[in-house]
Every structure is written in structure tokens, then in C-alpha cells.
Amino acid sequence: MLSAEAKSSIDRIWNTFWSNGMTNPLTVVEQITFLIFMKLLDDNQIMQERNANLLNTKLNDPVFKKGTCVIQENPRIEAPYADLRWQNFRHKEPQQMYATVRDLVFPFVKSLGSGRDSAFSRYMADAQFEISNAKVLSVAVDEIENMHLSGKDMMGDIYEELLDRIKSSGENGQFRSPGHIIAMMVELVEPNLEDRIIDPAMGTAGFLAASARYLTTHYAKELKNKSRLEHFKTTMFTGYDIDIKMLRIGAMNMMLHGVEAPDIKLNNSIEPDAAKRADYTLCLANPPFAGNMTEISIAPDLLAIANTKKTELLFVTLFTRLLKIGGRCASIVPQGVLFGSSKAHVGVRKELVEKQKLVAVISMPSGVFKPYSGVATAILVFTKTDHGGTDNVWFYNMDADGFSLDDKREVVKENDIPDVIAKFKERDPKKQNDRKAKFFFVSKDEIVANNYDLSFNKYREVEYVAEKFPPTAELMGEIDTLTKDFAAGLKELKGML
């Protein structure tokens, strides 16, 4: 999450844009994102240059090379790469900086990835620099410089903060998954270099970026292999979304994580022929909640499992179709998916229990998505088999995620996430069978007998402790005393009047 100082800086940038005539909130979001991307591009290279100097090695394929860059061919416009770097242009006087960013830096950023059909080049092609004057740019650059940007998913964190400004997340269904929840889910499924990873409702590409971070952390040595690195940069990651602004932000996010050409497309994933079937080994997602599709736009193979228009159910069925045999999935769902009694709800749960291998159900507290929504959510973890395999399902009831569960979402001590990860990795049906605990196993037979209900409280045993009360005679005596005291007080009050 962003620091209080960073949030204040975004406030000041927002107000400056607004007071200078940029009143379309989505345009404000996009322009701020472009500037932050320019800074993070330079920050990343500064860090790489320091590491190369320490190790006395050569910097491989830097964004900002030595010498001169051709910005445009006809008419030909050139500029030193050094002039395009944030650390240099931010020191120019406002008018000169404005001309540099508008005429050189922004066209250069748009050209990154040109020459190959990359997501970044496709979705940046129509991007426009719409900051109106030098004063506005100067304020924005100064504030961004003072934000001390750091963190694992800064683009996602900033977008979440900007969404709060436009108050449109609820309308658009853009409930960005909190970064710490994303990181937990990635830890649970443990991506590897053989994976092909998809998020069919990717938003800012938070799940894909977190997977990329996990891989570069755990497989740094292996990624020095040329073929593995090429897979990482091109064919490993796939993401779909229905909002082109999301695709731009997602493409920028992935580039900042070293993934130059992910397969990111404008797609409604549950429409016919929108996504390849049985093509991926790992799915991570937070699909839209409470949406409704028109039946004509839903892929028939999804309706075969759940004849419904509810997006949260259709996406779960989609996951079972996207994965190869043996593929893993971790997805956030509203808790209604766990216990809903409609034929479609039961059908989706039956699919996971009977035809796939349902591994875990992790219930989360209802404040995780605040301030956008108070909806209670859960995480489903399963493996695609198409022939069953569910035996014992692991349940965990998360009470706290490290932040207050109100709209402020302030840091608190209580945090079950480390315990969720640890207990999941050491799970054992023979040892974790205390139904009074926060986590336990439930057999497939018991789940089937309960109409495939997957809610934690359905199987939890509540221990009732008998409470002792005073004898009735003693209570009646206390009531009598209170009555007399009340009458005396009332008599005294009347005397005063």
C-alpha cells in the first residue's frame, strides 16, 4: 500500500490537473500513470547499473542506451538517451522540461517494444500526452519525485489510489486485488519456469506481475538460460481485460517486471472463442463479481456446467476449461459461490469436487476489499484433472490480513497470512483435523452429503461454554433494590419541582 506521503502527493497532482482544466478523471489517471512509468523506467535502470558496477559486469539491453536515440524518422528527430531519463529532464526549467517530455520522452516511451507485436506497442500506439502546460507538468514531476516510489507492485498500488479518487471502482467492477492478498495466492501455487500463466480478468496485471516477481526471486540463476528467459519475456504470461486503459497499465506494469512481450489482449474471456482451452498450467484471478452477461455472449461449454448469467460462476467454470490437465488455479470468489443454493451454484461446486481436485477453500474477512466493497470473499484452490481426485479439502478461516477492516485500512498487528501460507504448505489430514481450530480438513463424502457446501462455518464445531448465573432469588432481590432506589429518586425529583 502507498504511504501517507505518497497519497498526499497524488492529491496535489490530482488537484493541479483538475484546476487546469483536465476534468475527465480517467484521463487524469492515465496521464499520472504515464509519468510514473517514466520515473520507474529510469529507477529500474539506475538499480541495474549499480548492480552491474558492483559485480563489474555489462548491463544487458538497457532501456536508455549510450549515444543518440532516433525519436522520429520523417522528419528525423534525434535526442541523446541521457536527455530522456527522469533523473536528467526533471532538473530542466519548466518550459524546457515540458517540451522535452511532450516531444521526446513521451514518443520514446510509446516506441518501446516497436518492431515486434508486443502488448505494450499495441496498446500504447494510440496513447496521447494530454498535460496542458509546463506548470502542471512541473508540479506533477516534483510530487512524483518526492513520493520515493518503492514496493513490489507500485503501478497497481497507485492505480488503486487513483480509483479511490474517481469513485468508479464499484460501477466498473474494478475491485483491484490488494497486493498482499495477491502475493499470498502466488505463494500458495508456487509458479515455476515451465508454467504458462493466465489471468483472464487481469486489470492492472497484478497477478501476472506478482508471478514474475516470484520467478525472478526464486529462479534467478535459471533465468540466465537464454531459452528460459525468452519464455519468461514472451510466452509465459497471458492476460485479458475489456478495458483498453487497463491493458495499457498492465503492459507497462509487466515491462517494469522484465516481461517485454506478454500475450495481453482486449477480450471478454467468457465469450465464445475468446480464450484458448486447455492451454495453460496456472490460472490466477479475481474475476468480476455480481455481473450479468447476456446469454448470447456466453461460451456454450461454460453454460454446460452452469446455466447462468452470473459472471462469478461463469469465470470459475472458465478456469476449468483454460487449464491443461494438472494445471493449478487460485481464484478469489464472493463467498456466495461457496454456499449458494441455485442449480448453477451447486453445479459449479460439484464440478470442482467431482470432476477436478479441489484442494483448499480459504475464507477471508469482509473488509479485504474496502473501501470499494464490503463483500465477503474466499479463495478457491484446485487442480484440473477432468476425472476427479478430490479426497480431503483444506479449509482456513482468515480473521485478519494485517490491515484494519474498515475504510481506512490501516496497518494492524493481527495478520493470518503468514500462518495461511505455512499451514497450507504443511497440511496433513491426519494432523489438521480439529474442527474447533481456524483450519481443518473435510472429507469429500461429507461435502457431498452437504450438497457441496464449501462454507467454513458449515463444518466448524462451535464449543459452547456454560455460563453460570446467580440464583433467581438473588436476582429478584437486586431488582427489588433497584426499584426502591428508582422510586426514592423519583420522589426527590418531584420535591425539587
Protein backbone atom coordinates (compact mmCIF):
# COMPACT_ATOMS: atom_id res chain seq x y z
CA MET A 1 0.00 0.00 0.00
CA LEU A 2 1.05 3.61 -0.58
CA SER A 3 2.48 5.71 2.23
CA ALA A 4 0.56 8.69 3.60
CA GLU A 5 3.11 10.99 1.91
CA ALA A 6 2.56 9.33 -1.46
CA LYS A 7 -1.21 9.66 -1.08
CA SER A 8 -0.85 13.36 -0.29
CA SER A 9 1.31 13.82 -3.39
CA ILE A 10 -1.32 12.15 -5.56
CA ASP A 11 -3.91 14.51 -4.02
CA ARG A 12 -1.84 17.54 -5.01
CA ILE A 13 -1.23 16.24 -8.55
CA TRP A 14 -4.92 15.45 -8.94
CA ASN A 15 -5.99 18.91 -7.78
CA THR A 16 -3.46 20.60 -10.06
CA PHE A 17 -4.68 18.68 -13.11
CA TRP A 18 -8.29 19.36 -12.21
CA SER A 19 -7.83 23.10 -11.65
CA ASN A 20 -6.09 23.40 -15.01
CA GLY A 21 -8.98 22.02 -16.99
CA MET A 22 -8.34 18.27 -17.07
CA THR A 23 -11.75 17.27 -15.71
CA ASN A 24 -12.09 13.77 -17.15
CA PRO A 25 -10.99 11.59 -14.20
CA LEU A 26 -9.93 8.66 -16.41
CA THR A 27 -7.66 10.98 -18.39
CA VAL A 28 -6.10 12.19 -15.13
CA VAL A 29 -5.49 8.58 -14.10
CA GLU A 30 -3.85 7.74 -17.41
CA GLN A 31 -1.59 10.82 -17.55
CA ILE A 32 -0.35 10.34 -14.00
CA THR A 33 0.35 6.68 -14.80
CA PHE A 34 2.45 7.67 -17.84
CA LEU A 35 4.63 9.98 -15.72
CA ILE A 36 5.12 7.39 -13.00
CA PHE A 37 6.09 4.84 -15.65
CA MET A 38 8.76 7.25 -16.96
CA LYS A 39 10.23 7.51 -13.46
CA LEU A 40 10.11 3.79 -12.74
CA LEU A 41 11.81 3.01 -16.07
CA ASP A 42 14.73 5.17 -15.01
CA ASP A 43 14.70 3.91 -11.40
CA ASN A 44 14.90 0.32 -12.61
CA GLN A 45 17.88 1.09 -14.82
CA ILE A 46 19.66 3.01 -12.05
CA MET A 47 19.35 -0.08 -9.85
CA GLN A 48 20.60 -2.34 -12.66
CA GLU A 49 23.55 -0.03 -13.31
CA ARG A 50 24.53 -0.09 -9.63
CA ASN A 51 24.40 -3.87 -9.57
CA ALA A 52 26.45 -4.11 -12.75
CA ASN A 53 29.07 -1.76 -11.33
CA LEU A 54 29.29 -3.75 -8.10
CA LEU A 55 29.71 -7.01 -9.99
CA ASN A 56 31.87 -5.44 -12.70
CA THR A 57 29.57 -6.81 -15.40
CA LYS A 58 27.96 -5.37 -18.52
CA LEU A 59 24.38 -4.09 -18.44
CA ASN A 60 22.27 -6.24 -20.76
CA ASP A 61 19.89 -4.46 -23.15
CA PRO A 62 19.26 -1.27 -21.17
CA VAL A 63 16.24 0.91 -21.97
CA PHE A 64 18.42 4.04 -22.02
CA LYS A 65 21.48 3.22 -24.11
CA LYS A 66 24.59 5.25 -24.74
CA GLY A 67 24.58 7.70 -27.60
CA THR A 68 21.62 9.09 -29.51
CA CYS A 69 18.05 7.85 -29.96
CA VAL A 70 16.00 8.37 -33.12
CA ILE A 71 12.63 9.61 -31.91
CA GLN A 72 11.06 10.01 -35.34
CA GLU A 73 12.16 9.22 -38.86
CA ASN A 74 10.19 11.68 -41.01
CA PRO A 75 11.04 14.39 -40.26
CA ARG A 76 14.02 12.94 -38.43
CA ILE A 77 14.18 13.85 -34.74
CA GLU A 78 17.04 12.68 -32.54
CA ALA A 79 17.92 13.10 -28.89
CA PRO A 80 20.60 11.80 -26.55
CA TYR A 81 19.31 8.88 -24.49
CA ALA A 82 20.54 10.72 -21.41
CA ASP A 83 18.04 13.54 -22.05
CA LEU A 84 15.18 11.02 -21.94
CA ARG A 85 15.91 9.87 -18.41
CA TRP A 86 13.82 11.12 -15.50
CA GLN A 87 16.86 11.91 -13.37
CA ASN A 88 18.01 14.39 -16.04
CA PHE A 89 14.93 16.01 -17.54
CA ARG A 90 13.34 16.68 -14.15
CA HIS A 91 16.05 19.30 -13.44
CA LYS A 92 15.25 21.37 -16.54
CA GLU A 93 13.36 24.64 -16.17
CA PRO A 94 9.57 24.10 -16.62
CA GLN A 95 9.16 25.17 -20.26
CA GLN A 96 12.20 23.22 -21.42
CA MET A 97 11.14 20.15 -19.41
CA TYR A 98 7.63 20.35 -20.87
CA ALA A 99 8.95 20.44 -24.43
CA THR A 100 11.35 17.56 -23.68
CA VAL A 101 8.67 15.31 -22.19
CA ARG A 102 6.00 16.13 -24.78
CA ASP A 103 8.19 15.97 -27.89
CA LEU A 104 10.88 13.46 -26.92
CA VAL A 105 10.27 11.38 -23.79
CA PHE A 106 6.61 10.50 -24.41
CA PRO A 107 7.17 9.47 -28.06
CA PHE A 108 10.18 7.43 -26.92
CA VAL A 109 8.11 5.63 -24.26
CA LYS A 110 5.41 4.89 -26.84
CA SER A 111 8.04 3.39 -29.16
CA LEU A 112 9.33 0.87 -26.61
CA GLY A 113 8.74 -2.59 -27.98
CA SER A 114 8.35 -1.35 -31.55
CA GLY A 115 9.46 -3.77 -34.20
CA ARG A 116 7.67 -6.64 -32.51
CA ASP A 117 3.98 -7.27 -31.99
CA SER A 118 4.04 -6.71 -28.25
CA ALA A 119 1.16 -5.80 -25.94
CA PHE A 120 2.97 -2.61 -24.98
CA SER A 121 3.40 -1.40 -28.55
CA ARG A 122 -0.20 -2.30 -29.45
CA TYR A 123 -1.88 -0.52 -26.57
CA MET A 124 0.45 2.47 -26.39
CA ALA A 125 0.08 3.23 -30.10
CA ASP A 126 -2.99 5.43 -29.58
CA ALA A 127 -1.89 6.94 -26.26
CA GLN A 128 -1.85 10.74 -26.13
CA PHE A 129 0.14 13.18 -24.00
CA GLU A 130 -2.60 15.48 -22.69
CA ILE A 131 -0.94 17.51 -19.94
CA SER A 132 -1.84 21.07 -20.83
CA ASN A 133 1.11 23.21 -19.79
CA ALA A 134 4.56 23.42 -18.21
CA LYS A 135 3.28 24.44 -14.78
CA VAL A 136 1.07 21.36 -14.45
CA LEU A 137 3.88 19.05 -15.57
CA SER A 138 6.36 20.70 -13.21
CA VAL A 139 4.08 20.21 -10.19
CA ALA A 140 3.40 16.57 -11.15
CA VAL A 141 7.10 15.75 -11.68
CA ASP A 142 8.10 17.35 -8.36
CA GLU A 143 5.41 15.47 -6.44
CA ILE A 144 6.24 12.13 -8.08
CA GLU A 145 9.93 12.66 -7.30
CA ASN A 146 9.05 13.28 -3.65
CA MET A 147 6.90 10.14 -3.41
CA HIS A 148 10.01 7.92 -3.04
CA LEU A 149 8.39 5.22 -5.12
CA SER A 150 9.20 1.73 -3.98
CA GLY A 151 7.32 -1.51 -3.48
CA LYS A 152 6.50 -4.68 -5.31
CA ASP A 153 3.52 -3.51 -7.34
CA MET A 154 3.75 0.26 -7.39
CA MET A 155 1.73 0.60 -10.59
CA GLY A 156 -1.11 -1.41 -9.07
CA ASP A 157 -0.93 0.44 -5.75
CA ILE A 158 -1.07 3.80 -7.48
CA TYR A 159 -3.94 2.73 -9.70
CA GLU A 160 -5.85 1.58 -6.61
CA GLU A 161 -5.35 5.00 -5.02
CA LEU A 162 -6.45 6.77 -8.21
CA LEU A 163 -9.55 4.58 -8.41
CA ASP A 164 -10.47 5.84 -4.97
CA ARG A 165 -10.34 9.39 -6.34
CA ILE A 166 -12.77 8.71 -9.20
CA LYS A 167 -15.05 6.53 -7.06
CA SER A 168 -15.80 4.40 -10.11
CA SER A 169 -14.48 1.06 -8.96
CA GLY A 170 -17.87 -0.18 -7.83
CA GLU A 171 -19.57 0.83 -11.06
CA ASN A 172 -16.91 -0.72 -13.27
CA GLY A 173 -16.37 -3.84 -11.17
CA GLN A 174 -12.69 -2.89 -10.83
CA PHE A 175 -12.04 -4.18 -7.32
CA ARG A 176 -8.28 -4.41 -7.57
CA SER A 177 -6.93 -7.30 -5.53
CA PRO A 178 -4.79 -5.99 -2.64
CA GLY A 179 -1.12 -6.67 -3.24
CA HIS A 180 -0.61 -8.69 -0.06
CA ILE A 181 -3.51 -11.00 -1.00
CA ILE A 182 -2.07 -11.45 -4.49
CA ALA A 183 1.34 -12.28 -3.01
CA MET A 184 -0.22 -14.85 -0.68
CA MET A 185 -2.03 -16.58 -3.55
CA VAL A 186 1.17 -16.71 -5.62
CA GLU A 187 2.99 -18.29 -2.67
CA LEU A 188 0.27 -20.93 -2.41
CA VAL A 189 0.52 -22.07 -6.05
CA GLU A 190 4.31 -21.64 -6.42
CA PRO A 191 4.82 -20.71 -10.10
CA ASN A 192 7.73 -22.37 -11.92
CA LEU A 193 9.60 -21.73 -15.15
CA GLU A 194 7.65 -24.38 -17.04
CA ASP A 195 4.34 -22.66 -16.37
CA ARG A 196 2.12 -20.80 -18.80
CA ILE A 197 0.21 -18.38 -16.60
CA ILE A 198 -3.12 -16.71 -17.35
CA ASP A 199 -5.32 -14.12 -15.70
CA PRO A 200 -8.49 -13.80 -17.81
CA ALA A 201 -9.65 -10.67 -15.93
CA MET A 202 -6.26 -9.06 -15.41
CA GLY A 203 -6.94 -5.38 -14.58
CA THR A 204 -3.54 -3.81 -13.83
CA ALA A 205 -1.86 -7.24 -14.25
CA GLY A 206 -1.22 -7.56 -10.53
CA PHE A 207 -1.31 -11.39 -10.51
CA LEU A 208 0.94 -11.65 -13.55
CA ALA A 209 3.42 -9.11 -12.17
CA ALA A 210 3.50 -10.86 -8.78
CA SER A 211 4.16 -14.19 -10.52
CA ALA A 212 7.01 -12.57 -12.46
CA ARG A 213 8.50 -11.27 -9.19
CA TYR A 214 8.20 -14.69 -7.59
CA LEU A 215 10.00 -16.32 -10.52
CA THR A 216 12.82 -13.77 -10.70
CA THR A 217 13.33 -14.19 -6.94
CA HIS A 218 13.24 -18.00 -6.81
CA TYR A 219 14.77 -18.81 -10.22
CA ALA A 220 17.31 -16.02 -10.78
CA LYS A 221 20.07 -18.44 -11.77
CA GLU A 222 17.85 -20.47 -14.11
CA LEU A 223 16.62 -17.31 -15.87
CA LYS A 224 20.14 -16.72 -17.14
CA ASN A 225 19.42 -19.54 -19.58
CA LYS A 226 18.53 -17.92 -22.92
CA SER A 227 15.56 -20.14 -23.81
CA ARG A 228 14.06 -19.90 -20.30
CA LEU A 229 14.46 -16.12 -20.33
CA GLU A 230 12.79 -15.88 -23.75
CA HIS A 231 9.83 -17.92 -22.47
CA PHE A 232 9.63 -15.62 -19.43
CA LYS A 233 9.64 -12.48 -21.58
CA THR A 234 7.19 -13.65 -24.25
CA THR A 235 5.12 -16.82 -23.94
CA MET A 236 4.77 -17.37 -20.20
CA PHE A 237 2.17 -14.71 -19.36
CA THR A 238 -1.31 -14.17 -20.79
CA GLY A 239 -3.86 -11.60 -19.65
CA TYR A 240 -7.25 -10.43 -20.89
CA ASP A 241 -9.38 -7.44 -20.00
CA ILE A 242 -12.28 -5.50 -21.52
CA ASP A 243 -10.81 -2.04 -20.75
CA ILE A 244 -8.05 -0.73 -23.00
CA LYS A 245 -6.78 1.58 -20.25
CA MET A 246 -6.27 -1.50 -18.07
CA LEU A 247 -4.33 -3.11 -20.89
CA ARG A 248 -2.03 -0.09 -21.16
CA ILE A 249 -1.38 -0.01 -17.43
CA GLY A 250 -0.97 -3.80 -17.37
CA ALA A 251 1.50 -3.73 -20.26
CA MET A 252 3.53 -1.01 -18.51
CA ASN A 253 3.43 -3.00 -15.27
CA MET A 254 4.74 -6.14 -16.96
CA MET A 255 7.51 -4.27 -18.77
CA LEU A 256 8.68 -2.90 -15.42
CA HIS A 257 8.90 -6.52 -14.25
CA GLY A 258 11.08 -7.59 -17.18
CA VAL A 259 8.31 -9.13 -19.27
CA GLU A 260 8.65 -7.39 -22.62
CA ALA A 261 6.00 -9.10 -24.73
CA PRO A 262 3.27 -10.82 -22.70
CA ASP A 263 0.16 -12.03 -24.52
CA ILE A 264 -2.16 -9.26 -23.30
CA LYS A 265 -5.36 -8.77 -25.28
CA LEU A 266 -8.65 -6.89 -25.32
CA ASN A 267 -11.02 -9.77 -24.65
CA ASN A 268 -14.20 -10.69 -22.85
CA SER A 269 -12.93 -14.04 -21.64
CA ILE A 270 -16.28 -15.79 -21.29
CA GLU A 271 -17.43 -15.09 -24.83
CA PRO A 272 -17.18 -17.90 -27.42
CA ASP A 273 -13.66 -18.35 -28.82
CA ALA A 274 -12.25 -15.55 -26.65
CA ALA A 275 -9.66 -17.70 -24.89
CA LYS A 276 -7.81 -20.88 -25.82
CA ARG A 277 -8.90 -24.00 -24.00
CA ALA A 278 -6.53 -26.39 -22.19
CA ASP A 279 -3.54 -24.15 -22.96
CA TYR A 280 -2.30 -23.02 -19.53
CA THR A 281 -0.73 -24.62 -16.47
CA LEU A 282 -1.58 -21.92 -13.93
CA CYS A 283 -4.52 -19.56 -13.53
CA LEU A 284 -4.59 -16.72 -11.00
CA ALA A 285 -7.59 -14.41 -10.98
CA ASN A 286 -10.02 -12.12 -9.25
CA PRO A 287 -12.93 -12.17 -11.72
CA PRO A 288 -15.78 -9.63 -11.78
CA PHE A 289 -18.37 -10.09 -9.05
CA ALA A 290 -22.12 -9.68 -9.35
CA GLY A 291 -22.13 -9.03 -13.08
CA ASN A 292 -24.57 -10.48 -15.58
CA MET A 293 -23.87 -11.50 -19.16
CA THR A 294 -26.36 -11.82 -21.96
CA GLU A 295 -26.79 -15.49 -22.77
CA ILE A 296 -25.95 -14.95 -26.43
CA SER A 297 -22.40 -13.84 -25.49
CA ILE A 298 -21.52 -16.80 -23.25
CA ALA A 299 -19.42 -19.71 -24.49
CA PRO A 300 -21.60 -22.87 -24.71
CA ASP A 301 -19.06 -25.07 -22.90
CA LEU A 302 -19.39 -22.82 -19.84
CA LEU A 303 -23.18 -22.97 -19.87
CA ALA A 304 -22.92 -26.76 -19.96
CA ILE A 305 -21.55 -26.62 -16.41
CA ALA A 306 -23.55 -23.68 -15.06
CA ASN A 307 -26.54 -22.38 -16.99
CA THR A 308 -26.31 -18.88 -15.56
CA LYS A 309 -25.57 -15.28 -16.44
CA LYS A 310 -23.64 -14.58 -13.21
CA THR A 311 -20.04 -13.69 -14.01
CA GLU A 312 -18.59 -15.06 -10.75
CA LEU A 313 -19.89 -18.54 -11.63
CA LEU A 314 -19.06 -18.36 -15.33
CA PHE A 315 -15.45 -17.44 -14.61
CA VAL A 316 -14.96 -20.40 -12.25
CA THR A 317 -16.20 -22.71 -14.99
CA LEU A 318 -13.90 -20.91 -17.44
CA PHE A 319 -10.87 -21.70 -15.27
CA THR A 320 -11.59 -25.42 -15.57
CA ARG A 321 -11.57 -25.04 -19.36
CA LEU A 322 -8.47 -22.85 -19.69
CA LEU A 323 -6.14 -25.21 -17.83
CA LYS A 324 -4.29 -28.23 -19.09
CA ILE A 325 -4.60 -31.48 -17.15
CA GLY A 326 -2.55 -30.98 -13.99
CA GLY A 327 -2.90 -27.20 -14.15
CA ARG A 328 -3.45 -25.28 -10.91
CA CYS A 329 -5.82 -22.44 -10.13
CA ALA A 330 -6.20 -19.96 -7.28
CA SER A 331 -9.08 -17.53 -7.62
CA ILE A 332 -10.90 -15.04 -5.44
CA VAL A 333 -14.68 -15.53 -5.38
CA PRO A 334 -17.52 -13.95 -3.40
CA GLN A 335 -18.48 -16.23 -0.54
CA GLY A 336 -21.92 -16.71 -2.06
CA VAL A 337 -20.24 -19.06 -4.53
CA LEU A 338 -19.43 -21.34 -1.57
CA PHE A 339 -22.98 -21.88 -0.35
CA GLY A 340 -25.48 -20.51 -2.92
CA SER A 341 -28.38 -22.91 -3.36
CA SER A 342 -29.26 -22.28 -7.01
CA LYS A 343 -28.75 -25.07 -9.52
CA ALA A 344 -25.88 -23.11 -11.09
CA HIS A 345 -24.12 -22.57 -7.75
CA VAL A 346 -24.36 -26.23 -6.84
CA GLY A 347 -23.31 -27.23 -10.36
CA VAL A 348 -20.10 -25.21 -10.21
CA ARG A 349 -19.14 -26.63 -6.80
CA LYS A 350 -19.98 -30.16 -7.96
CA GLU A 351 -17.69 -29.66 -10.97
CA LEU A 352 -14.77 -28.75 -8.69
CA VAL A 353 -15.40 -31.58 -6.21
CA GLU A 354 -16.38 -34.41 -8.55
CA LYS A 355 -14.51 -33.73 -11.81
CA GLN A 356 -11.49 -31.74 -10.61
CA LYS A 357 -9.34 -31.93 -7.48
CA LEU A 358 -10.48 -29.25 -5.06
CA VAL A 359 -7.52 -28.53 -2.79
CA ALA A 360 -8.43 -25.64 -0.50
CA VAL A 361 -11.07 -23.08 0.45
CA ILE A 362 -9.72 -20.04 2.31
CA SER A 363 -12.38 -17.69 3.70
CA MET A 364 -11.34 -14.04 4.02
CA PRO A 365 -12.82 -11.25 6.19
CA SER A 366 -15.35 -8.94 4.58
CA GLY A 367 -13.15 -5.82 4.84
CA VAL A 368 -10.43 -7.00 2.46
CA PHE A 369 -11.87 -5.03 -0.47
CA LYS A 370 -12.77 -1.88 1.43
CA PRO A 371 -13.24 0.99 0.72
CA TYR A 372 -14.66 -0.26 -2.60
CA SER A 373 -16.81 -3.06 -1.26
CA GLY A 374 -17.60 -4.86 1.97
CA VAL A 375 -18.33 -8.13 0.20
CA ALA A 376 -17.05 -11.26 1.95
CA THR A 377 -14.70 -13.26 -0.24
CA ALA A 378 -12.81 -16.54 -0.35
CA ILE A 379 -10.00 -18.16 -2.32
CA LEU A 380 -10.57 -21.41 -4.18
CA VAL A 381 -7.52 -23.53 -4.96
CA PHE A 382 -7.90 -26.53 -7.26
CA THR A 383 -6.07 -28.71 -9.77
CA LYS A 384 -7.58 -29.64 -13.11
CA THR A 385 -7.87 -33.40 -13.63
CA ASP A 386 -11.17 -33.84 -15.55
CA HIS A 387 -11.54 -37.18 -13.76
CA GLY A 388 -11.88 -36.17 -10.11
CA GLY A 389 -9.40 -36.75 -7.34
CA THR A 390 -10.86 -34.65 -4.53
CA ASP A 391 -10.37 -36.52 -1.27
CA ASN A 392 -9.96 -34.15 1.67
CA VAL A 393 -10.41 -30.39 1.24
CA TRP A 394 -8.41 -27.98 3.40
CA PHE A 395 -10.42 -25.12 4.96
CA TYR A 396 -8.97 -22.00 6.61
CA ASN A 397 -10.86 -19.11 8.20
CA MET A 398 -8.78 -15.94 7.92
CA ASP A 399 -9.79 -13.37 10.56
CA ALA A 400 -7.18 -10.69 9.79
CA ASP A 401 -4.96 -9.70 6.85
CA GLY A 402 -2.66 -7.18 8.51
CA PHE A 403 -4.89 -4.14 7.92
CA SER A 404 -7.93 -2.71 9.67
CA LEU A 405 -11.16 -3.98 8.15
CA ASP A 406 -12.74 -0.54 7.83
CA ASP A 407 -12.49 2.03 5.03
CA LYS A 408 -9.15 3.35 6.36
CA ARG A 409 -7.34 0.00 6.00
CA GLU A 410 -4.57 0.99 8.39
CA VAL A 411 -1.74 -1.39 9.31
CA VAL A 412 -2.50 -3.57 12.36
CA LYS A 413 -0.65 -6.35 14.20
CA GLU A 414 -3.20 -9.07 13.53
CA ASN A 415 -2.30 -10.93 10.35
CA ASP A 416 -3.16 -14.53 9.47
CA ILE A 417 -1.44 -14.52 6.06
CA PRO A 418 1.93 -15.99 7.19
CA ASP A 419 0.00 -18.71 9.02
CA VAL A 420 -2.17 -19.45 5.98
CA ILE A 421 0.92 -19.99 3.82
CA ALA A 422 2.77 -22.06 6.43
CA LYS A 423 -0.19 -24.29 7.31
CA PHE A 424 -1.13 -24.78 3.65
CA LYS A 425 2.37 -25.98 2.79
CA GLU A 426 2.50 -28.41 5.71
CA ARG A 427 -1.15 -29.50 5.51
CA ASP A 428 -1.83 -33.06 6.65
CA PRO A 429 -5.33 -34.56 7.05
CA LYS A 430 -4.08 -36.74 9.89
CA LYS A 431 -2.84 -33.78 11.92
CA GLN A 432 -5.09 -30.88 10.94
CA ASN A 433 -8.46 -32.31 11.92
CA ASP A 434 -9.55 -30.15 14.86
CA ARG A 435 -12.90 -28.67 13.79
CA LYS A 436 -12.65 -26.04 16.55
CA ALA A 437 -9.47 -24.58 15.03
CA LYS A 438 -9.01 -21.94 12.30
CA PHE A 439 -8.09 -24.65 9.78
CA PHE A 440 -9.00 -28.26 9.23
CA PHE A 441 -9.77 -30.88 6.59
CA VAL A 442 -13.21 -32.01 5.44
CA SER A 443 -13.69 -35.26 3.52
CA LYS A 444 -15.22 -35.31 0.07
CA ASP A 445 -18.02 -37.60 1.33
CA GLU A 446 -19.05 -35.05 3.95
CA ILE A 447 -19.02 -32.22 1.39
CA VAL A 448 -21.17 -34.24 -0.99
CA ALA A 449 -23.61 -35.06 1.82
CA ASN A 450 -24.00 -31.32 2.44
CA ASN A 451 -24.95 -30.53 -1.18
CA TYR A 452 -21.36 -29.47 -1.97
CA ASP A 453 -21.48 -26.60 0.54
CA LEU A 454 -17.97 -25.12 0.86
CA SER A 455 -18.55 -22.55 3.62
CA PHE A 456 -16.21 -22.78 6.61
CA ASN A 457 -18.95 -22.44 9.21
CA LYS A 458 -20.82 -25.42 7.76
CA TYR A 459 -18.14 -27.74 9.12
CA ARG A 460 -16.71 -25.81 12.04
CA GLU A 461 -17.53 -27.11 15.51
CA VAL A 462 -18.50 -24.37 17.92
CA GLU A 463 -17.71 -25.08 21.54
CA TYR A 464 -20.38 -23.70 23.84
CA VAL A 465 -19.25 -22.86 27.37
CA ALA A 466 -21.94 -22.91 30.02
CA GLU A 467 -22.23 -19.60 31.81
CA LYS A 468 -23.25 -19.55 35.45
CA PHE A 469 -25.82 -17.02 36.63
CA PRO A 470 -26.73 -16.02 40.23
CA PRO A 471 -29.73 -17.79 41.79
CA THR A 472 -33.15 -16.42 40.87
CA ALA A 473 -33.82 -15.24 44.43
CA GLU A 474 -30.61 -13.18 44.39
CA LEU A 475 -31.54 -11.59 41.04
CA MET A 476 -35.04 -10.77 42.30
CA GLY A 477 -33.52 -9.12 45.39
CA GLU A 478 -31.30 -6.92 43.18
CA ILE A 479 -34.31 -5.92 41.07
CA ASP A 480 -36.26 -5.05 44.22
CA THR A 481 -33.41 -2.84 45.47
CA LEU A 482 -33.13 -1.05 42.12
CA THR A 483 -36.90 -0.46 42.08
CA LYS A 484 -36.83 1.10 45.55
CA ASP A 485 -33.86 3.31 44.63
CA PHE A 486 -35.65 4.46 41.48
CA ALA A 487 -38.84 5.30 43.45
CA ALA A 488 -36.86 7.28 46.02
CA GLY A 489 -35.08 9.23 43.30
CA LEU A 490 -38.34 9.98 41.54
CA LYS A 491 -39.88 11.25 44.84
CA GLU A 492 -36.88 13.51 45.39
CA LEU A 493 -37.13 14.92 41.86
CA LYS A 494 -40.83 15.75 42.34
CA GLY A 495 -39.98 17.57 45.55
CA MET A 496 -37.45 19.74 43.72
CA LEU A 497 -40.06 20.69 41.12
